[in-house]
């Protein structure tokens, strides 16, 4: 396969220089024998339109980080139904001659939790942005019945609460200051940054009784992973989510079908995990 602009792929975000997506994608392309490139580009909400006009439409595909997951909906019209459900996309891919949007984050969450055999009838989701919607959707697909969104701004969280309720989840919103009076969950899913400064504290009984899934992975251990260090419950790093959502992105880039496994997918996934320092549990 001769190289063209359509064999060039990128991750866009702000900041993005330290993204691990290039390592994941390049490892997969090597195993698949694809002469594709994958780089990163610093793109903000203010520059995404001009960047798209300059180079975006010529690429084979784009991975998107926040804050672009919502902004891209104004730029690319074609999308799958999941993007409309979540009001966010993390992938631009080619379906024939058409550029389309998808969101592989829920797949990443599902597979990460599956790998560690974590089930939860009730869950707390920390945060209320696009990633929180993806986490909630994935939990719903895996059988979670009730979600409590734990947030700093209750009013701003209503959009995400409405989206999750529309999926069929029983959804409540509580300020972090109220959590001592909320029934503890079986899973805490944090979608907050991994910084250890200024993070809301969680009740001790929750840390003792709930598993932790933290979408953060840099720095690691995150604030909440550190809080869970003496807990008997499992802790799952967001690096697993990152790897699995990248696997689904590569499926889209290869076949335009996120449900169609790649050739040699076991070997592809093993190479991707090794590229970011993950080892099978």
Protein backbone atom coordinates (compact mmCIF):
# COMPACT_ATOMS: atom_id res chain seq x y z
CA UNK A 1 0.00 0.00 0.00
CA UNK A 2 1.51 3.27 -1.11
CA UNK A 3 1.54 6.08 1.40
CA UNK A 4 -0.83 8.99 0.85
CA UNK A 5 -2.24 11.65 3.14
CA UNK A 6 -4.99 9.17 3.92
CA UNK A 7 -2.45 6.90 5.59
CA UNK A 8 -1.55 9.68 8.03
CA UNK A 9 -3.42 9.74 11.33
CA UNK A 10 -3.21 12.12 14.28
CA UNK A 11 -4.40 12.80 17.80
CA UNK A 12 -5.60 16.34 18.44
CA UNK A 13 -5.94 18.08 21.79
CA UNK A 14 -4.69 20.79 24.08
CA UNK A 15 -2.36 19.82 25.64
CA UNK A 16 -1.44 16.73 23.62
CA UNK A 17 2.36 16.49 23.44
CA UNK A 18 2.53 13.79 26.12
CA UNK A 19 -0.32 11.70 24.72
CA UNK A 20 0.26 7.93 24.70
CA UNK A 21 -2.01 7.47 21.68
CA UNK A 22 0.91 7.58 19.20
CA UNK A 23 2.63 4.71 21.02
CA UNK A 24 -0.56 2.64 21.01
CA UNK A 25 -1.39 3.23 17.36
CA UNK A 26 2.14 2.80 16.04
CA UNK A 27 2.49 -0.52 17.86
CA UNK A 28 -0.73 -1.74 16.26
CA UNK A 29 0.21 -0.57 12.77
CA UNK A 30 3.53 -2.40 13.06
CA UNK A 31 1.83 -5.71 13.87
CA UNK A 32 -0.70 -5.20 11.08
CA UNK A 33 2.03 -4.35 8.59
CA UNK A 34 0.40 -1.04 7.68
CA UNK A 35 2.59 1.78 6.28
CA UNK A 36 0.64 4.33 8.31
CA UNK A 37 1.89 7.22 10.44
CA UNK A 38 0.37 8.53 13.64
CA UNK A 39 1.39 11.85 15.17
CA UNK A 40 0.02 14.52 17.45
CA UNK A 41 -1.10 18.07 16.80
CA UNK A 42 -1.79 20.83 19.31
CA UNK A 43 -5.35 21.96 18.57
CA UNK A 44 -7.64 24.04 20.77
CA UNK A 45 -11.34 24.83 20.66
CA UNK A 46 -10.43 28.14 19.02
CA UNK A 47 -8.22 26.61 16.32
CA UNK A 48 -10.03 23.38 15.46
CA UNK A 49 -12.04 24.90 12.59
CA UNK A 50 -9.02 26.40 10.85
CA UNK A 51 -6.91 23.30 11.49
CA UNK A 52 -9.62 21.10 10.05
CA UNK A 53 -9.79 23.28 6.95
CA UNK A 54 -5.99 23.15 6.56
CA UNK A 55 -5.25 19.46 7.15
CA UNK A 56 -8.07 17.60 8.88
CA UNK A 57 -10.07 16.59 5.84
CA UNK A 58 -6.97 15.13 4.14
CA UNK A 59 -6.04 12.75 6.95
CA UNK A 60 -6.97 9.11 7.23
CA UNK A 61 -8.46 9.72 10.64
CA UNK A 62 -8.19 11.74 13.84
CA UNK A 63 -8.36 10.88 17.53
CA UNK A 64 -9.79 13.66 19.69
CA UNK A 65 -9.16 14.55 23.32
CA UNK A 66 -10.97 17.10 25.44
CA UNK A 67 -12.02 19.79 24.88
CA UNK A 68 -12.52 18.85 21.24
CA UNK A 69 -14.92 15.93 21.72
CA UNK A 70 -17.91 18.25 21.77
CA UNK A 71 -16.56 21.00 19.51
CA UNK A 72 -16.01 18.59 16.59
CA UNK A 73 -19.77 18.03 16.32
CA UNK A 74 -20.00 21.48 14.74
CA UNK A 75 -17.48 20.52 12.05
CA UNK A 76 -18.20 16.94 10.89
CA UNK A 77 -21.83 16.20 10.03
CA UNK A 78 -21.87 12.42 9.54
CA UNK A 79 -21.95 10.44 12.79
CA UNK A 80 -23.26 7.30 14.39
CA UNK A 81 -26.17 7.27 16.82
CA UNK A 82 -23.87 6.89 19.86
CA UNK A 83 -22.36 10.30 19.17
CA UNK A 84 -25.82 11.86 19.24
CA UNK A 85 -26.63 9.99 22.46
CA UNK A 86 -23.46 11.17 24.21
CA UNK A 87 -23.18 14.58 22.50
CA UNK A 88 -19.46 13.85 22.06
CA UNK A 89 -17.08 12.11 19.64
CA UNK A 90 -13.48 11.00 20.04
CA UNK A 91 -12.85 9.66 16.53
CA UNK A 92 -13.02 10.94 12.97
CA UNK A 93 -12.73 8.07 10.48
CA UNK A 94 -13.36 7.38 6.82
CA UNK A 95 -16.40 5.39 5.75
CA UNK A 96 -15.78 5.13 2.02
CA UNK A 97 -15.36 8.70 0.87
CA UNK A 98 -17.25 10.12 3.83
CA UNK A 99 -15.64 11.43 7.02
CA UNK A 100 -17.68 10.36 10.02
CA UNK A 101 -17.68 10.64 13.81
CA UNK A 102 -17.79 7.91 16.41
CA UNK A 103 -17.06 7.54 20.11
CA UNK A 104 -14.98 4.59 21.27
CA UNK A 105 -14.70 5.68 24.91
CA UNK A 106 -17.63 3.51 26.11
CA UNK A 107 -16.00 0.48 24.48
CA UNK A 108 -12.81 1.32 26.34
CA UNK A 109 -14.64 1.53 29.66
CA UNK A 110 -16.52 -1.73 29.09
CA UNK A 111 -13.42 -3.68 28.17
CA UNK A 112 -11.37 -2.26 31.05
CA UNK A 113 -14.02 -3.25 33.59
CA UNK A 114 -14.53 -6.63 31.91
CA UNK A 115 -10.81 -7.34 32.16
CA UNK A 116 -10.91 -6.86 35.94
CA UNK A 117 -14.32 -8.56 36.28
CA UNK A 118 -15.89 -5.54 37.96
CA UNK A 119 -19.68 -5.43 38.07
CA UNK A 120 -21.68 -2.71 39.79
CA UNK A 121 -25.39 -2.38 40.42
CA UNK A 122 -24.77 1.11 41.78
CA UNK A 123 -21.99 3.54 40.90
CA UNK A 124 -20.80 7.02 41.67
CA UNK A 125 -19.41 8.99 38.73
CA UNK A 126 -17.14 11.86 39.72
CA UNK A 127 -17.51 14.68 37.19
CA UNK A 128 -20.14 15.51 34.58
CA UNK A 129 -18.42 16.14 31.26
CA UNK A 130 -18.26 14.17 28.02
CA UNK A 131 -16.18 11.40 29.59
CA UNK A 132 -18.70 11.04 32.41
CA UNK A 133 -21.42 10.46 29.81
CA UNK A 134 -19.31 7.76 28.15
CA UNK A 135 -18.64 6.07 31.49
CA UNK A 136 -22.32 6.17 32.43
CA UNK A 137 -23.36 4.73 29.08
CA UNK A 138 -20.84 1.90 29.41
CA UNK A 139 -22.03 1.14 32.94
CA UNK A 140 -25.63 1.01 31.73
CA UNK A 141 -24.65 -1.47 29.02
CA UNK A 142 -22.98 -3.63 31.66
CA UNK A 143 -26.06 -3.74 33.87
CA UNK A 144 -25.62 -0.88 36.33
CA UNK A 145 -29.01 0.21 37.59
CA UNK A 146 -28.30 3.43 39.49
CA UNK A 147 -25.74 6.20 39.12
CA UNK A 148 -24.97 9.11 41.42
CA UNK A 149 -23.11 11.94 39.75
CA UNK A 150 -20.79 13.67 42.23
CA UNK A 151 -20.01 17.19 41.10
CA UNK A 152 -18.91 20.67 42.09
CA UNK A 153 -21.62 22.40 40.04
CA UNK A 154 -25.01 20.69 40.28
CA UNK A 155 -26.67 22.93 37.71
CA UNK A 156 -24.05 22.30 35.02
CA UNK A 157 -24.35 18.55 35.58
CA UNK A 158 -27.98 18.41 34.52
CA UNK A 159 -27.22 17.90 30.82
CA UNK A 160 -25.21 14.78 31.54
CA UNK A 161 -27.79 13.57 34.06
CA UNK A 162 -30.52 13.91 31.43
CA UNK A 163 -28.45 11.99 28.87
CA UNK A 164 -27.87 9.11 31.27
CA UNK A 165 -31.49 9.06 32.39
CA UNK A 166 -32.52 8.82 28.73
CA UNK A 167 -30.41 5.65 28.46
CA UNK A 168 -32.44 4.06 31.25
CA UNK A 169 -30.19 4.72 34.23
CA UNK A 170 -31.67 5.94 37.48
CA UNK A 171 -29.57 9.09 37.87
CA UNK A 172 -29.09 11.47 40.79
CA UNK A 173 -26.82 14.50 41.11
CA UNK A 174 -25.13 15.44 44.38
CA UNK A 175 -22.58 18.03 45.35
CA UNK A 176 -19.36 16.65 46.80
CA UNK A 177 -20.27 18.18 50.16
CA UNK A 178 -23.34 15.92 50.41
CA UNK A 179 -21.73 12.53 49.92
CA UNK A 180 -21.61 11.53 53.59
CA UNK A 181 -25.39 11.22 53.39
CA UNK A 182 -25.56 9.19 50.14
CA UNK A 183 -25.71 5.38 50.13
CA UNK A 184 -22.23 4.02 49.24
CA UNK A 185 -21.88 2.46 45.77
CA UNK A 186 -20.14 -0.71 44.62
CA UNK A 187 -18.04 1.27 42.11
CA UNK A 188 -16.56 4.77 42.01
CA UNK A 189 -15.69 5.96 38.50
CA UNK A 190 -13.64 9.14 38.48
CA UNK A 191 -13.54 11.26 35.32
CA UNK A 192 -11.62 14.05 37.06
CA UNK A 193 -7.98 14.97 36.30
CA UNK A 194 -5.34 12.87 38.04
CA UNK A 195 -3.73 15.80 39.88
CA UNK A 196 -3.38 15.34 43.61
CA UNK A 197 -4.14 18.98 44.40
CA UNK A 198 -7.58 20.28 45.33
CA UNK A 199 -9.47 17.03 44.69
CA UNK A 200 -12.67 16.43 46.67
CA UNK A 201 -12.40 13.89 49.47
CA UNK A 202 -14.64 10.83 49.52
CA UNK A 203 -16.13 9.14 52.61
CA UNK A 204 -13.92 6.46 54.16
CA UNK A 205 -16.67 3.84 54.00
CA UNK A 206 -16.86 4.29 50.23
CA UNK A 207 -13.12 3.69 49.80
CA UNK A 208 -13.41 0.53 51.89
CA UNK A 209 -16.41 -0.92 50.05
CA UNK A 210 -16.24 0.22 46.41
CA UNK A 211 -13.96 -0.63 43.52
CA UNK A 212 -12.27 2.33 41.80
CA UNK A 213 -12.09 2.99 38.08
CA UNK A 214 -10.10 6.16 37.44
CA UNK A 215 -9.90 7.43 33.86
CA UNK A 216 -6.75 9.31 34.85
CA UNK A 217 -3.40 7.62 34.28
CA UNK A 218 -0.81 10.40 34.36
CA UNK A 219 0.46 10.96 36.94
CA UNK A 220 -0.13 7.51 38.43
CA UNK A 221 -1.09 6.73 41.05
CA UNK A 222 -3.73 9.41 40.77
CA UNK A 223 -5.20 11.22 43.74
CA UNK A 224 -7.94 8.64 44.14
CA UNK A 225 -5.71 5.65 43.44
CA UNK A 226 -3.53 6.88 46.31
CA UNK A 227 -6.60 7.18 48.53
CA UNK A 228 -7.46 3.55 47.68
CA UNK A 229 -3.97 2.18 48.40
CA UNK A 230 -5.07 0.40 51.61
CA UNK A 231 -8.52 -0.56 50.34
CA UNK A 232 -9.28 -4.24 49.72
CA UNK A 233 -11.24 -3.31 46.60
CA UNK A 234 -9.72 -3.34 43.08
CA UNK A 235 -8.31 -0.22 41.40
CA UNK A 236 -8.30 0.12 37.60
CA UNK A 237 -6.19 2.75 35.84
CA UNK A 238 -7.57 4.74 32.92
CA UNK A 239 -4.64 3.48 30.88
CA UNK A 240 -6.66 0.31 30.27
CA UNK A 241 -9.55 2.38 28.95
CA UNK A 242 -7.13 4.32 26.74
CA UNK A 243 -5.72 1.13 25.22
CA UNK A 244 -9.10 -0.45 24.52
CA UNK A 245 -10.67 2.69 23.07
CA UNK A 246 -7.61 2.97 20.79
CA UNK A 247 -8.19 -0.63 19.67
CA UNK A 248 -11.73 0.29 18.63
CA UNK A 249 -10.42 3.39 16.85
CA UNK A 250 -8.00 1.26 14.86
CA UNK A 251 -10.86 -1.05 13.88
CA UNK A 252 -12.64 2.04 12.53
CA UNK A 253 -9.54 3.21 10.69
CA UNK A 254 -9.03 -0.23 9.13
CA UNK A 255 -12.59 -1.31 8.29
CA UNK A 256 -14.95 1.53 9.32
CA UNK A 257 -16.56 -0.99 11.70
CA UNK A 258 -15.77 -0.77 15.43
CA UNK A 259 -17.37 -4.19 15.99
CA UNK A 260 -15.19 -6.03 13.46
CA UNK A 261 -12.06 -7.50 15.08
CA UNK A 262 -8.72 -6.76 13.44
CA UNK A 263 -6.58 -9.41 11.79
CA UNK A 264 -4.29 -10.88 14.46
CA UNK A 265 -6.13 -8.81 17.05
CA UNK A 266 -4.72 -10.69 20.04
CA UNK A 267 -1.18 -9.92 18.86
CA UNK A 268 -2.16 -6.33 18.09
CA UNK A 269 -3.57 -5.77 21.56
CA UNK A 270 -0.56 -7.40 23.22
CA UNK A 271 1.78 -5.06 21.35
CA UNK A 272 -0.33 -2.04 22.27
CA UNK A 273 -0.37 -2.93 25.96
CA UNK A 274 3.39 -3.49 25.96
CA UNK A 275 3.92 -0.12 24.27
CA UNK A 276 2.43 1.70 27.25
CA UNK A 277 3.79 -0.56 29.97
CA UNK A 278 0.66 -2.57 30.71
CA UNK A 279 0.96 -6.26 31.48
CA UNK A 280 -1.88 -8.81 31.37
CA UNK A 281 -3.33 -9.40 34.81
